[in-house]
Protein backbone atom coordinates (compact mmCIF):
# COMPACT_ATOMS: atom_id res chain seq x y z
CA UNK A 1 135.69 74.37 32.31
CA UNK A 2 132.38 72.59 32.11
CA UNK A 3 131.00 70.79 29.13
CA UNK A 4 127.91 71.94 27.27
CA UNK A 5 125.75 69.21 28.84
CA UNK A 6 126.82 70.22 32.36
CA UNK A 7 125.96 73.87 31.65
CA UNK A 8 122.57 72.90 30.23
CA UNK A 9 121.76 70.91 33.39
CA UNK A 10 122.45 73.87 35.73
CA UNK A 11 119.49 75.86 37.00
CA UNK A 12 119.16 79.60 36.44
CA UNK A 13 120.10 80.34 40.06
CA UNK A 14 123.27 78.25 39.77
CA UNK A 15 124.20 79.98 36.51
CA UNK A 16 123.73 83.41 38.09
CA UNK A 17 125.76 82.40 41.14
CA UNK A 18 128.67 81.12 39.00
CA UNK A 19 128.58 84.28 36.85
CA UNK A 20 128.75 86.49 39.95
CA UNK A 21 131.66 84.51 41.45
CA UNK A 22 134.14 85.04 38.67
CA UNK A 23 134.57 88.35 36.91
CA UNK A 24 135.22 88.14 33.20
CA UNK A 25 138.43 89.80 32.03
CA UNK A 26 137.78 93.15 30.35
CA UNK A 27 140.06 94.10 27.44
CA UNK A 28 142.16 97.23 27.83
CA UNK A 29 140.56 100.33 26.27
CA UNK A 30 137.11 98.76 25.99
CA UNK A 31 135.40 101.71 27.65
CA UNK A 32 137.17 104.20 25.34
CA UNK A 33 136.19 102.20 22.24
CA UNK A 34 132.58 101.96 23.41
CA UNK A 35 132.42 105.72 23.96
CA UNK A 36 133.90 106.33 20.49
CA UNK A 37 131.42 103.94 18.90
CA UNK A 38 128.48 105.64 20.64
CA UNK A 39 129.73 109.10 19.64
CA UNK A 40 130.15 107.96 16.04
CA UNK A 41 126.61 106.59 16.08
CA UNK A 42 125.24 109.90 17.36
CA UNK A 43 127.11 111.80 14.64
CA UNK A 44 125.83 109.43 11.97
CA UNK A 45 122.26 109.84 13.23
CA UNK A 46 122.64 113.64 13.25
CA UNK A 47 124.07 113.67 9.70
CA UNK A 48 121.33 111.47 8.27
CA UNK A 49 118.82 113.62 6.37
CA UNK A 50 115.43 113.66 7.96
CA UNK A 51 112.31 113.94 5.85
CA UNK A 52 111.14 117.51 5.56
CA UNK A 53 107.94 118.42 7.32
CA UNK A 54 106.55 120.11 4.22
CA UNK A 55 106.49 116.93 2.11
CA UNK A 56 103.01 115.84 3.27
CA UNK A 57 101.64 119.33 2.64
CA UNK A 58 103.20 119.44 -0.82
CA UNK A 59 101.74 116.06 -1.70
CA UNK A 60 98.31 117.24 -0.55
CA UNK A 61 98.65 120.36 -2.72
CA UNK A 62 99.58 118.26 -5.74
CA UNK A 63 96.63 115.94 -5.12
CA UNK A 64 94.27 118.93 -4.79
CA UNK A 65 95.57 120.45 -8.03
CA UNK A 66 95.14 117.14 -9.85
CA UNK A 67 91.60 116.81 -8.50
CA UNK A 68 90.79 120.37 -9.59
CA UNK A 69 92.03 119.64 -13.12
CA UNK A 70 89.86 116.56 -13.33
CA UNK A 71 86.73 118.02 -11.73
CA UNK A 72 86.65 121.55 -13.18
CA UNK A 73 85.41 121.92 -16.73
CA UNK A 74 87.99 122.69 -19.37
CA UNK A 75 87.73 126.25 -20.61
CA UNK A 76 89.22 127.13 -23.94
CA UNK A 77 89.00 130.19 -26.13
CA UNK A 78 85.43 131.19 -26.81
CA UNK A 79 84.32 132.24 -30.26
CA UNK A 80 82.98 135.77 -29.87
CA UNK A 81 81.64 136.22 -33.38
CA UNK A 82 78.86 134.32 -35.08
CA UNK A 83 79.41 136.03 -38.43
CA UNK A 84 82.79 135.32 -40.11
CA UNK A 85 82.72 138.68 -41.91
CA UNK A 86 82.49 140.56 -38.61
CA UNK A 87 85.37 138.50 -37.23
CA UNK A 88 87.48 139.28 -40.31
CA UNK A 89 86.69 142.99 -39.97
CA UNK A 90 87.85 142.95 -36.34
CA UNK A 91 91.11 141.22 -37.34
CA UNK A 92 91.72 143.88 -40.00
CA UNK A 93 91.00 146.60 -37.43
CA UNK A 94 93.52 145.05 -35.00
CA UNK A 95 96.19 144.81 -37.72
CA UNK A 96 95.57 148.43 -38.72
CA UNK A 97 96.10 149.53 -35.10
CA UNK A 98 99.35 147.58 -34.96
CA UNK A 99 100.47 149.12 -38.25
CA UNK A 100 99.72 152.66 -37.03
CA UNK A 101 101.72 152.11 -33.83
CA UNK A 102 104.62 150.64 -35.81
CA UNK A 103 104.62 153.66 -38.15
CA UNK A 104 104.98 156.03 -35.20
CA UNK A 105 107.82 153.92 -33.83
CA UNK A 106 109.59 153.86 -37.21
CA UNK A 107 109.42 157.67 -37.44
CA UNK A 108 111.08 157.92 -34.03
CA UNK A 109 113.82 155.53 -35.19
CA UNK A 110 114.41 157.55 -38.39
CA UNK A 111 114.76 160.76 -36.37
CA UNK A 112 117.13 159.07 -33.94
CA UNK A 113 119.17 157.61 -36.80
CA UNK A 114 120.39 161.07 -37.83
CA UNK A 115 121.43 161.86 -34.26
CA UNK A 116 123.01 158.45 -33.76
CA UNK A 117 125.03 158.81 -36.97
CA UNK A 118 126.63 162.12 -35.93
CA UNK A 119 129.45 160.56 -33.82
CA UNK A 120 130.20 158.11 -36.63
CA UNK A 121 130.45 160.91 -39.18
CA UNK A 122 132.60 162.97 -36.81
CA UNK A 123 135.02 160.07 -36.28
CA UNK A 124 135.27 159.51 -40.05
CA UNK A 125 136.11 163.21 -40.60
CA UNK A 126 138.80 163.09 -37.88
CA UNK A 127 140.43 159.97 -39.33
CA UNK A 128 140.60 161.44 -42.86
């Protein structure tokens, strides 16, 4: 075996010639282990989650929505009445409409209550 200084003094052609002359011993099962390592690498690459293609589009949509919120004027509820008395009259009118509808619904419930109570009364009579 040569020393480090002797190897450093050899030219590239001499190094290639010496490497070609003697074959390095190959461990048993090296090819099998290499194939297994490459297959494991392919499986690991296939299992690794890849970024979805929709992420750039989603980020653009979020940016557009944010820009729209900043650029567009804020619209809130608009006061439709200049006179407070007219506004109060409209509120009373709306509450009266709600009350009328509730009254009709309560009448329907009262009528249904008699019918719904019939099985209860019948069961009480049977048990006595």
